[in-house]
Amino acid sequence: LRQEFRELEILDYITDLRHHGILPSHIEGHCRNTFMRAYQLWKKNECPDNMHPAICWDESNPFHLMEYVEDQEWAVIHPKWVEVNGMQIVTKLPEQDIDERPPGMRPMNDKAHNEHNEVSKEITQLQTQMETGVHCGFKWDSTYSCAYDALMMILFNIWNDKPSKWDKH
């Protein structure tokens, strides 16, 4: 969690530098990871002055260099068009099967039924973990973590500390 807050503070610092026109032109990227890595390569192990003491880093408590993550290329998916009575109508996007019937009217196929059972099993496992006192939470992946993950983990831990206080019966 400390690493996540460090990253958030650095992103805030980068935004401030860019706003004031101080950020060098070589600090660029399309996503959080590329900005973070560019900043770390530029500043090495230097901690910004405005960093809170609880999340500061130094030689004894280093801020590890972000792994290189290649930006994902974007692609536009074009819909299939069918001409009906001289008008072009979109039928469906490639590799998608959109059922126009309301959810209650859709037949439940084996895949959907299996997915429903898997979700039910996961919920039961989480309930069992909470009852037995085993730590549970989100699967942490440093390449995809974000401010949302940090906030949700904090809120989850607040709830998990006293679930009876927060649950509505």
N, C-alpha and C. Protein backbone atom coordinates (compact mmCIF):
# COMPACT_ATOMS: atom_id res chain seq x y z
N LEU A 1 0.83 -1.18 0.00
CA LEU A 1 0.00 0.00 0.00
C LEU A 1 0.88 1.26 0.00
N ARG A 2 2.01 1.17 0.70
CA ARG A 2 2.94 2.31 0.73
C ARG A 2 3.43 2.63 -0.68
N GLN A 3 3.73 1.58 -1.44
CA GLN A 3 4.19 1.76 -2.82
C GLN A 3 3.12 2.49 -3.65
N GLU A 4 1.87 2.11 -3.45
CA GLU A 4 0.77 2.74 -4.19
C GLU A 4 0.67 4.23 -3.86
N PHE A 5 0.77 4.57 -2.58
CA PHE A 5 0.70 5.98 -2.20
C PHE A 5 1.91 6.76 -2.71
N ARG A 6 3.07 6.12 -2.74
CA ARG A 6 4.25 6.78 -3.30
C ARG A 6 4.01 7.11 -4.77
N GLU A 7 3.47 6.13 -5.49
CA GLU A 7 3.20 6.34 -6.92
C GLU A 7 2.19 7.46 -7.13
N LEU A 8 1.16 7.50 -6.32
CA LEU A 8 0.15 8.56 -6.44
C LEU A 8 0.77 9.93 -6.19
N GLU A 9 1.64 10.02 -5.19
CA GLU A 9 2.30 11.30 -4.89
C GLU A 9 3.23 11.72 -6.03
N ILE A 10 3.92 10.76 -6.62
CA ILE A 10 4.81 11.09 -7.73
C ILE A 10 4.00 11.57 -8.94
N LEU A 11 2.88 10.90 -9.21
CA LEU A 11 2.03 11.34 -10.31
C LEU A 11 1.50 12.75 -10.07
N ASP A 12 1.17 13.05 -8.82
CA ASP A 12 0.74 14.40 -8.46
C ASP A 12 1.88 15.40 -8.68
N TYR A 13 3.09 15.00 -8.28
CA TYR A 13 4.28 15.84 -8.45
C TYR A 13 4.57 16.09 -9.94
N ILE A 14 4.46 15.03 -10.75
CA ILE A 14 4.67 15.17 -12.20
C ILE A 14 3.65 16.14 -12.79
N THR A 15 2.40 16.02 -12.36
CA THR A 15 1.35 16.92 -12.84
C THR A 15 1.66 18.36 -12.47
N ASP A 16 2.15 18.57 -11.25
CA ASP A 16 2.50 19.92 -10.80
C ASP A 16 3.66 20.48 -11.62
N LEU A 17 4.68 19.66 -11.87
CA LEU A 17 5.82 20.11 -12.68
C LEU A 17 5.38 20.47 -14.10
N ARG A 18 4.52 19.64 -14.67
CA ARG A 18 4.04 19.92 -16.03
C ARG A 18 3.21 21.21 -16.05
N HIS A 19 2.37 21.39 -15.04
CA HIS A 19 1.53 22.60 -14.96
C HIS A 19 2.38 23.87 -14.91
N HIS A 20 3.50 23.80 -14.19
CA HIS A 20 4.37 24.97 -14.07
C HIS A 20 5.42 25.05 -15.18
N GLY A 21 5.38 24.12 -16.14
CA GLY A 21 6.30 24.14 -17.27
C GLY A 21 7.72 23.74 -16.92
N ILE A 22 7.91 23.00 -15.83
CA ILE A 22 9.24 22.61 -15.37
C ILE A 22 9.59 21.18 -15.80
N LEU A 23 8.60 20.38 -16.14
CA LEU A 23 8.82 18.97 -16.48
C LEU A 23 9.57 18.86 -17.80
N PRO A 24 10.70 18.15 -17.81
CA PRO A 24 11.45 17.97 -19.06
C PRO A 24 10.61 17.25 -20.12
N SER A 25 10.90 17.51 -21.37
CA SER A 25 10.10 16.95 -22.46
C SER A 25 10.27 15.43 -22.59
N HIS A 26 11.36 14.87 -22.06
CA HIS A 26 11.55 13.42 -22.18
C HIS A 26 10.72 12.62 -21.18
N ILE A 27 10.07 13.29 -20.23
CA ILE A 27 9.17 12.61 -19.29
C ILE A 27 7.80 12.58 -19.94
N GLU A 28 7.49 11.46 -20.57
CA GLU A 28 6.22 11.34 -21.27
C GLU A 28 5.75 9.89 -21.22
N GLY A 29 4.50 9.69 -21.56
CA GLY A 29 3.94 8.35 -21.59
C GLY A 29 2.45 8.40 -21.80
N HIS A 30 1.89 7.24 -22.10
CA HIS A 30 0.45 7.15 -22.34
C HIS A 30 -0.30 6.60 -21.15
N CYS A 31 0.43 6.05 -20.20
CA CYS A 31 -0.24 5.49 -19.02
C CYS A 31 0.65 5.71 -17.79
N ARG A 32 0.11 5.38 -16.65
CA ARG A 32 0.77 5.61 -15.37
C ARG A 32 2.16 4.96 -15.31
N ASN A 33 2.25 3.72 -15.74
CA ASN A 33 3.52 3.00 -15.63
C ASN A 33 4.65 3.65 -16.42
N THR A 34 4.36 4.11 -17.62
CA THR A 34 5.42 4.73 -18.43
C THR A 34 5.85 6.07 -17.85
N PHE A 35 4.91 6.85 -17.30
CA PHE A 35 5.27 8.10 -16.63
C PHE A 35 6.14 7.83 -15.40
N MET A 36 5.73 6.85 -14.60
CA MET A 36 6.46 6.54 -13.37
C MET A 36 7.89 6.12 -13.69
N ARG A 37 8.05 5.24 -14.66
CA ARG A 37 9.38 4.73 -15.01
C ARG A 37 10.26 5.87 -15.56
N ALA A 38 9.69 6.72 -16.40
CA ALA A 38 10.45 7.85 -16.95
C ALA A 38 10.90 8.79 -15.83
N TYR A 39 10.01 9.04 -14.86
CA TYR A 39 10.36 9.90 -13.73
C TYR A 39 11.48 9.26 -12.91
N GLN A 40 11.36 7.96 -12.63
CA GLN A 40 12.37 7.28 -11.82
C GLN A 40 13.73 7.27 -12.51
N LEU A 41 13.74 7.09 -13.82
CA LEU A 41 15.02 7.11 -14.54
C LEU A 41 15.62 8.51 -14.54
N TRP A 42 14.79 9.53 -14.51
CA TRP A 42 15.26 10.92 -14.49
C TRP A 42 15.77 11.30 -13.11
N LYS A 43 15.01 11.05 -12.07
CA LYS A 43 15.35 11.50 -10.72
C LYS A 43 16.09 10.46 -9.88
N LYS A 44 16.25 9.26 -10.42
CA LYS A 44 16.91 8.15 -9.70
C LYS A 44 16.18 7.87 -8.39
N ASN A 45 16.86 8.00 -7.25
CA ASN A 45 16.24 7.67 -5.96
C ASN A 45 15.91 8.92 -5.16
N GLU A 46 15.74 10.06 -5.84
CA GLU A 46 15.45 11.32 -5.16
C GLU A 46 13.97 11.41 -4.79
N CYS A 47 13.71 11.75 -3.54
CA CYS A 47 12.35 11.88 -3.03
C CYS A 47 11.94 13.35 -3.08
N PRO A 48 10.76 13.67 -3.66
CA PRO A 48 10.32 15.07 -3.70
C PRO A 48 10.19 15.66 -2.30
N ASP A 49 10.40 16.96 -2.18
CA ASP A 49 10.36 17.64 -0.88
C ASP A 49 8.98 17.61 -0.23
N ASN A 50 7.93 17.60 -1.04
CA ASN A 50 6.58 17.66 -0.47
C ASN A 50 6.02 16.29 -0.06
N MET A 51 6.83 15.25 -0.12
CA MET A 51 6.39 13.89 0.20
C MET A 51 6.18 13.75 1.71
N HIS A 52 5.09 13.11 2.10
CA HIS A 52 4.79 12.87 3.51
C HIS A 52 5.86 11.94 4.10
N PRO A 53 6.30 12.19 5.33
CA PRO A 53 7.37 11.37 5.94
C PRO A 53 7.04 9.87 6.01
N ALA A 54 5.77 9.51 6.11
CA ALA A 54 5.40 8.10 6.22
C ALA A 54 5.67 7.33 4.93
N ILE A 55 5.73 8.03 3.80
CA ILE A 55 5.94 7.33 2.54
C ILE A 55 7.22 7.76 1.82
N CYS A 56 8.07 8.54 2.49
CA CYS A 56 9.36 8.93 1.92
C CYS A 56 10.23 7.70 1.72
N TRP A 57 11.20 7.82 0.83
CA TRP A 57 12.13 6.72 0.61
C TRP A 57 13.55 7.24 0.65
N ASP A 58 14.45 6.32 0.93
CA ASP A 58 15.88 6.61 0.96
C ASP A 58 16.62 5.30 0.71
N GLU A 59 17.93 5.26 1.00
CA GLU A 59 18.71 4.05 0.75
C GLU A 59 18.22 2.86 1.59
N SER A 60 17.79 3.13 2.82
CA SER A 60 17.34 2.04 3.70
C SER A 60 15.92 1.57 3.37
N ASN A 61 15.13 2.44 2.77
CA ASN A 61 13.75 2.12 2.41
C ASN A 61 13.54 2.57 0.96
N PRO A 62 14.07 1.82 -0.02
CA PRO A 62 14.09 2.30 -1.41
C PRO A 62 12.73 2.25 -2.10
N PHE A 63 12.63 3.07 -3.13
CA PHE A 63 11.47 3.07 -4.01
C PHE A 63 11.92 2.33 -5.27
N HIS A 64 11.48 1.09 -5.41
CA HIS A 64 11.97 0.21 -6.48
C HIS A 64 11.55 0.71 -7.86
N LEU A 65 12.45 0.54 -8.81
CA LEU A 65 12.21 0.96 -10.18
C LEU A 65 11.05 0.15 -10.76
N MET A 66 10.12 0.85 -11.39
CA MET A 66 8.97 0.19 -12.02
C MET A 66 9.47 -0.70 -13.15
N GLU A 67 8.81 -1.85 -13.33
CA GLU A 67 9.14 -2.72 -14.45
C GLU A 67 8.71 -2.06 -15.75
N TYR A 68 9.44 -2.36 -16.81
CA TYR A 68 9.07 -1.81 -18.11
C TYR A 68 7.80 -2.49 -18.59
N VAL A 69 6.81 -1.70 -18.94
CA VAL A 69 5.55 -2.21 -19.47
C VAL A 69 5.31 -1.51 -20.79
N GLU A 70 5.17 -2.28 -21.85
CA GLU A 70 4.94 -1.69 -23.16
C GLU A 70 3.49 -1.23 -23.25
N ASP A 71 3.30 -0.01 -23.74
CA ASP A 71 1.94 0.52 -23.89
C ASP A 71 1.15 -0.34 -24.87
N GLN A 72 -0.09 -0.56 -24.54
CA GLN A 72 -0.97 -1.34 -25.41
C GLN A 72 -1.38 -0.49 -26.61
N GLU A 73 -1.36 -1.10 -27.79
CA GLU A 73 -1.79 -0.37 -28.98
C GLU A 73 -3.31 -0.38 -29.04
N TRP A 74 -3.87 0.74 -29.46
CA TRP A 74 -5.32 0.87 -29.57
C TRP A 74 -5.74 0.48 -30.98
N ALA A 75 -6.89 -0.15 -31.08
CA ALA A 75 -7.44 -0.52 -32.38
C ALA A 75 -8.93 -0.21 -32.38
N VAL A 76 -9.40 0.34 -33.49
CA VAL A 76 -10.82 0.64 -33.63
C VAL A 76 -11.50 -0.59 -34.23
N ILE A 77 -12.55 -1.05 -33.57
CA ILE A 77 -13.31 -2.19 -34.07
C ILE A 77 -14.47 -1.64 -34.88
N HIS A 78 -14.49 -2.00 -36.14
CA HIS A 78 -15.54 -1.50 -37.03
C HIS A 78 -16.72 -2.46 -37.03
N PRO A 79 -17.93 -1.93 -36.96
CA PRO A 79 -19.11 -2.81 -36.96
C PRO A 79 -19.41 -3.35 -38.35
N LYS A 80 -20.16 -4.45 -38.38
CA LYS A 80 -20.62 -5.00 -39.66
C LYS A 80 -21.91 -4.27 -40.04
N TRP A 81 -22.00 -3.90 -41.32
CA TRP A 81 -23.17 -3.18 -41.81
C TRP A 81 -23.95 -4.08 -42.77
N VAL A 82 -25.25 -4.02 -42.67
CA VAL A 82 -26.12 -4.74 -43.58
C VAL A 82 -27.07 -3.73 -44.20
N GLU A 83 -27.30 -3.85 -45.48
CA GLU A 83 -28.21 -2.91 -46.14
C GLU A 83 -29.60 -3.53 -46.20
N VAL A 84 -30.58 -2.83 -45.63
CA VAL A 84 -31.97 -3.27 -45.63
C VAL A 84 -32.82 -2.14 -46.19
N ASN A 85 -33.51 -2.41 -47.28
CA ASN A 85 -34.36 -1.41 -47.93
C ASN A 85 -33.61 -0.09 -48.19
N GLY A 86 -32.37 -0.20 -48.65
CA GLY A 86 -31.60 0.98 -48.99
C GLY A 86 -30.98 1.70 -47.80
N MET A 87 -31.16 1.17 -46.59
CA MET A 87 -30.58 1.79 -45.39
C MET A 87 -29.52 0.86 -44.82
N GLN A 88 -28.42 1.45 -44.33
CA GLN A 88 -27.38 0.65 -43.69
C GLN A 88 -27.70 0.50 -42.21
N ILE A 89 -27.68 -0.72 -41.74
CA ILE A 89 -28.00 -1.01 -40.34
C ILE A 89 -26.84 -1.78 -39.74
N VAL A 90 -26.44 -1.39 -38.53
CA VAL A 90 -25.39 -2.11 -37.82
C VAL A 90 -25.98 -3.39 -37.28
N THR A 91 -25.37 -4.52 -37.59
CA THR A 91 -25.88 -5.79 -37.05
C THR A 91 -25.19 -6.16 -35.76
N LYS A 92 -23.86 -6.20 -35.77
CA LYS A 92 -23.11 -6.49 -34.55
C LYS A 92 -21.64 -6.16 -34.76
N LEU A 93 -20.95 -5.95 -33.67
CA LEU A 93 -19.51 -5.72 -33.74
C LEU A 93 -18.82 -7.06 -33.90
N PRO A 94 -17.66 -7.10 -34.50
CA PRO A 94 -16.96 -8.37 -34.65
C PRO A 94 -16.74 -9.04 -33.30
N GLU A 95 -16.85 -10.36 -33.30
CA GLU A 95 -16.61 -11.20 -32.12
C GLU A 95 -17.51 -10.85 -30.95
N GLN A 96 -18.67 -10.29 -31.21
CA GLN A 96 -19.63 -10.01 -30.15
C GLN A 96 -20.97 -10.58 -30.55
N ASP A 97 -21.68 -11.10 -29.59
CA ASP A 97 -23.01 -11.61 -29.83
C ASP A 97 -23.93 -10.86 -28.89
N ILE A 98 -24.64 -9.88 -29.41
CA ILE A 98 -25.49 -9.04 -28.58
C ILE A 98 -26.92 -9.54 -28.71
N ASP A 99 -27.51 -9.95 -27.61
CA ASP A 99 -28.89 -10.42 -27.58
C ASP A 99 -29.78 -9.24 -27.20
N GLU A 100 -30.74 -8.92 -28.05
CA GLU A 100 -31.57 -7.74 -27.84
C GLU A 100 -32.71 -7.97 -26.85
N ARG A 101 -32.94 -9.21 -26.43
CA ARG A 101 -34.03 -9.47 -25.50
C ARG A 101 -33.64 -9.02 -24.09
N PRO A 102 -34.62 -8.66 -23.26
CA PRO A 102 -34.32 -8.27 -21.89
C PRO A 102 -33.66 -9.41 -21.12
N PRO A 103 -32.84 -9.08 -20.09
CA PRO A 103 -32.10 -10.11 -19.36
C PRO A 103 -32.96 -11.25 -18.82
N GLY A 104 -34.17 -10.96 -18.34
CA GLY A 104 -35.02 -12.00 -17.79
C GLY A 104 -35.54 -12.97 -18.84
N MET A 105 -35.54 -12.55 -20.10
CA MET A 105 -36.08 -13.36 -21.19
C MET A 105 -35.00 -14.17 -21.90
N ARG A 106 -33.73 -13.88 -21.61
CA ARG A 106 -32.65 -14.57 -22.29
C ARG A 106 -32.50 -15.99 -21.75
N PRO A 107 -32.31 -16.95 -22.63
CA PRO A 107 -32.07 -18.31 -22.13
C PRO A 107 -30.69 -18.39 -21.50
N MET A 108 -30.58 -19.11 -20.40
CA MET A 108 -29.29 -19.25 -19.73
C MET A 108 -28.56 -20.44 -20.35
N ASN A 109 -27.50 -20.16 -21.08
CA ASN A 109 -26.74 -21.25 -21.68
C ASN A 109 -25.80 -21.86 -20.65
N ASP A 110 -25.13 -22.93 -21.04
CA ASP A 110 -24.24 -23.63 -20.10
C ASP A 110 -23.12 -22.73 -19.62
N LYS A 111 -22.57 -21.89 -20.51
CA LYS A 111 -21.47 -21.01 -20.13
C LYS A 111 -21.92 -20.03 -19.05
N ALA A 112 -23.07 -19.39 -19.27
CA ALA A 112 -23.58 -18.43 -18.29
C ALA A 112 -23.90 -19.13 -16.98
N HIS A 113 -24.48 -20.33 -17.07
CA HIS A 113 -24.81 -21.09 -15.86
C HIS A 113 -23.55 -21.43 -15.08
N ASN A 114 -22.49 -21.86 -15.80
CA ASN A 114 -21.22 -22.19 -15.14
C ASN A 114 -20.58 -20.96 -14.51
N GLU A 115 -20.65 -19.81 -15.22
CA GLU A 115 -20.10 -18.57 -14.67
C GLU A 115 -20.85 -18.18 -13.40
N HIS A 116 -22.18 -18.35 -13.41
CA HIS A 116 -22.99 -18.04 -12.23
C HIS A 116 -22.57 -18.94 -11.07
N ASN A 117 -22.36 -20.22 -11.33
CA ASN A 117 -21.93 -21.15 -10.28
C ASN A 117 -20.55 -20.78 -9.75
N GLU A 118 -19.64 -20.36 -10.65
CA GLU A 118 -18.30 -19.97 -10.22
C GLU A 118 -18.35 -18.75 -9.30
N VAL A 119 -19.19 -17.77 -9.65
CA VAL A 119 -19.33 -16.58 -8.82
C VAL A 119 -19.90 -16.96 -7.46
N SER A 120 -20.89 -17.85 -7.45
CA SER A 120 -21.47 -18.31 -6.19
C SER A 120 -20.42 -18.99 -5.32
N LYS A 121 -19.56 -19.81 -5.94
CA LYS A 121 -18.49 -20.49 -5.19
C LYS A 121 -17.52 -19.48 -4.60
N GLU A 122 -17.16 -18.44 -5.39
CA GLU A 122 -16.23 -17.42 -4.90
C GLU A 122 -16.82 -16.67 -3.72
N ILE A 123 -18.10 -16.35 -3.79
CA ILE A 123 -18.76 -15.65 -2.68
C ILE A 123 -18.76 -16.52 -1.44
N THR A 124 -19.06 -17.80 -1.60
CA THR A 124 -19.06 -18.73 -0.46
C THR A 124 -17.67 -18.83 0.14
N GLN A 125 -16.63 -18.89 -0.72
CA GLN A 125 -15.26 -18.97 -0.22
C GLN A 125 -14.89 -17.71 0.56
N LEU A 126 -15.29 -16.54 0.05
CA LEU A 126 -15.00 -15.29 0.75
C LEU A 126 -15.70 -15.24 2.10
N GLN A 127 -16.95 -15.71 2.15
CA GLN A 127 -17.68 -15.73 3.41
C GLN A 127 -16.99 -16.66 4.40
N THR A 128 -16.52 -17.81 3.93
CA THR A 128 -15.82 -18.76 4.79
C THR A 128 -14.53 -18.15 5.31
N GLN A 129 -13.79 -17.46 4.43
CA GLN A 129 -12.54 -16.82 4.85
C GLN A 129 -12.80 -15.78 5.92
N MET A 130 -13.87 -15.00 5.76
CA MET A 130 -14.17 -13.96 6.75
C MET A 130 -14.55 -14.59 8.08
N GLU A 131 -15.27 -15.70 8.05
CA GLU A 131 -15.70 -16.34 9.28
C GLU A 131 -14.52 -16.99 10.01
N THR A 132 -13.54 -17.51 9.26
CA THR A 132 -12.41 -18.19 9.88
C THR A 132 -11.28 -17.23 10.24
N GLY A 133 -11.36 -15.98 9.85
CA GLY A 133 -10.33 -15.01 10.19
C GLY A 133 -9.15 -15.03 9.24
N VAL A 134 -9.23 -15.76 8.13
CA VAL A 134 -8.16 -15.78 7.15
C VAL A 134 -8.18 -14.45 6.41
N HIS A 135 -7.00 -13.87 6.19
CA HIS A 135 -6.93 -12.59 5.49
C HIS A 135 -7.42 -12.74 4.06
N CYS A 136 -8.24 -11.82 3.65
CA CYS A 136 -8.70 -11.83 2.27
C CYS A 136 -8.65 -10.40 1.75
N GLY A 137 -8.65 -10.27 0.46
CA GLY A 137 -8.59 -8.96 -0.16
C GLY A 137 -8.39 -9.12 -1.64
N PHE A 138 -7.98 -8.05 -2.28
CA PHE A 138 -7.79 -8.06 -3.71
C PHE A 138 -6.48 -8.72 -4.08
N LYS A 139 -6.44 -9.34 -5.24
CA LYS A 139 -5.18 -9.86 -5.77
C LYS A 139 -4.36 -8.66 -6.21
N TRP A 140 -3.16 -8.53 -5.71
CA TRP A 140 -2.34 -7.37 -5.99
C TRP A 140 -1.47 -7.61 -7.21
N ASP A 141 -1.52 -6.71 -8.16
CA ASP A 141 -0.70 -6.78 -9.35
C ASP A 141 -0.13 -5.38 -9.57
N SER A 142 1.16 -5.22 -9.34
CA SER A 142 1.76 -3.89 -9.36
C SER A 142 1.67 -3.22 -10.72
N THR A 143 1.52 -3.99 -11.79
CA THR A 143 1.45 -3.35 -13.10
C THR A 143 0.06 -2.81 -13.41
N TYR A 144 -0.95 -3.23 -12.68
CA TYR A 144 -2.30 -2.76 -12.95
C TYR A 144 -2.93 -2.03 -11.77
N SER A 145 -2.20 -1.83 -10.70
CA SER A 145 -2.79 -1.17 -9.53
C SER A 145 -3.04 0.30 -9.84
N CYS A 146 -3.95 0.89 -9.10
CA CYS A 146 -4.29 2.30 -9.33
C CYS A 146 -4.85 2.89 -8.05
N ALA A 147 -5.21 4.14 -8.11
CA ALA A 147 -5.77 4.81 -6.94
C ALA A 147 -7.04 4.13 -6.47
N TYR A 148 -7.81 3.62 -7.41
CA TYR A 148 -9.05 2.91 -7.06
C TYR A 148 -8.73 1.69 -6.20
N ASP A 149 -7.69 0.92 -6.57
CA ASP A 149 -7.30 -0.25 -5.77
C ASP A 149 -6.96 0.15 -4.35
N ALA A 150 -6.19 1.22 -4.21
CA ALA A 150 -5.78 1.67 -2.87
C ALA A 150 -6.99 2.08 -2.05
N LEU A 151 -7.88 2.85 -2.65
CA LEU A 151 -9.08 3.29 -1.94
C LEU A 151 -9.96 2.11 -1.55
N MET A 152 -10.17 1.18 -2.49
CA MET A 152 -11.02 0.03 -2.19
C MET A 152 -10.41 -0.85 -1.10
N MET A 153 -9.09 -0.98 -1.07
CA MET A 153 -8.44 -1.79 -0.03
C MET A 153 -8.62 -1.13 1.33
N ILE A 154 -8.50 0.18 1.39
CA ILE A 154 -8.70 0.90 2.66
C ILE A 154 -10.14 0.72 3.13
N LEU A 155 -11.10 0.93 2.23
CA LEU A 155 -12.51 0.77 2.60
C LEU A 155 -12.82 -0.67 2.99
N PHE A 156 -12.24 -1.63 2.27
CA PHE A 156 -12.47 -3.03 2.60
C PHE A 156 -11.95 -3.34 4.01
N ASN A 157 -10.77 -2.83 4.34
CA ASN A 157 -10.20 -3.10 5.66
C ASN A 157 -11.01 -2.44 6.77
N ILE A 158 -11.55 -1.25 6.50
CA ILE A 158 -12.43 -0.61 7.49
C ILE A 158 -13.66 -1.46 7.72
N TRP A 159 -14.26 -1.93 6.64
CA TRP A 159 -15.45 -2.78 6.76
C TRP A 159 -15.09 -4.11 7.42
N ASN A 160 -13.98 -4.71 7.01
CA ASN A 160 -13.59 -6.03 7.50
C ASN A 160 -13.27 -6.01 8.99
N ASP A 161 -12.86 -4.87 9.52
CA ASP A 161 -12.55 -4.75 10.94
C ASP A 161 -13.80 -4.97 11.79
N LYS A 162 -14.93 -4.38 11.39
CA LYS A 162 -16.20 -4.53 12.13
C LYS A 162 -17.35 -4.64 11.13
N PRO A 163 -17.50 -5.79 10.47
CA PRO A 163 -18.54 -5.91 9.44
C PRO A 163 -19.95 -5.73 9.99
N SER A 164 -20.17 -6.12 11.24
CA SER A 164 -21.52 -5.98 11.81
C SER A 164 -21.94 -4.52 11.92
N LYS A 165 -20.96 -3.63 12.09
CA LYS A 165 -21.26 -2.20 12.18
C LYS A 165 -21.72 -1.65 10.83
N TRP A 166 -21.19 -2.19 9.73
CA TRP A 166 -21.45 -1.64 8.40
C TRP A 166 -22.51 -2.40 7.61
N ASP A 167 -22.75 -3.67 7.96
CA ASP A 167 -23.74 -4.46 7.22
C ASP A 167 -25.15 -4.06 7.61
N LYS A 168 -26.02 -4.05 6.64
CA LYS A 168 -27.45 -3.82 6.91
C LYS A 168 -28.12 -5.18 6.93
N HIS A 169 -28.88 -5.45 7.96
CA HIS A 169 -29.54 -6.76 8.07
C HIS A 169 -30.98 -6.66 7.67
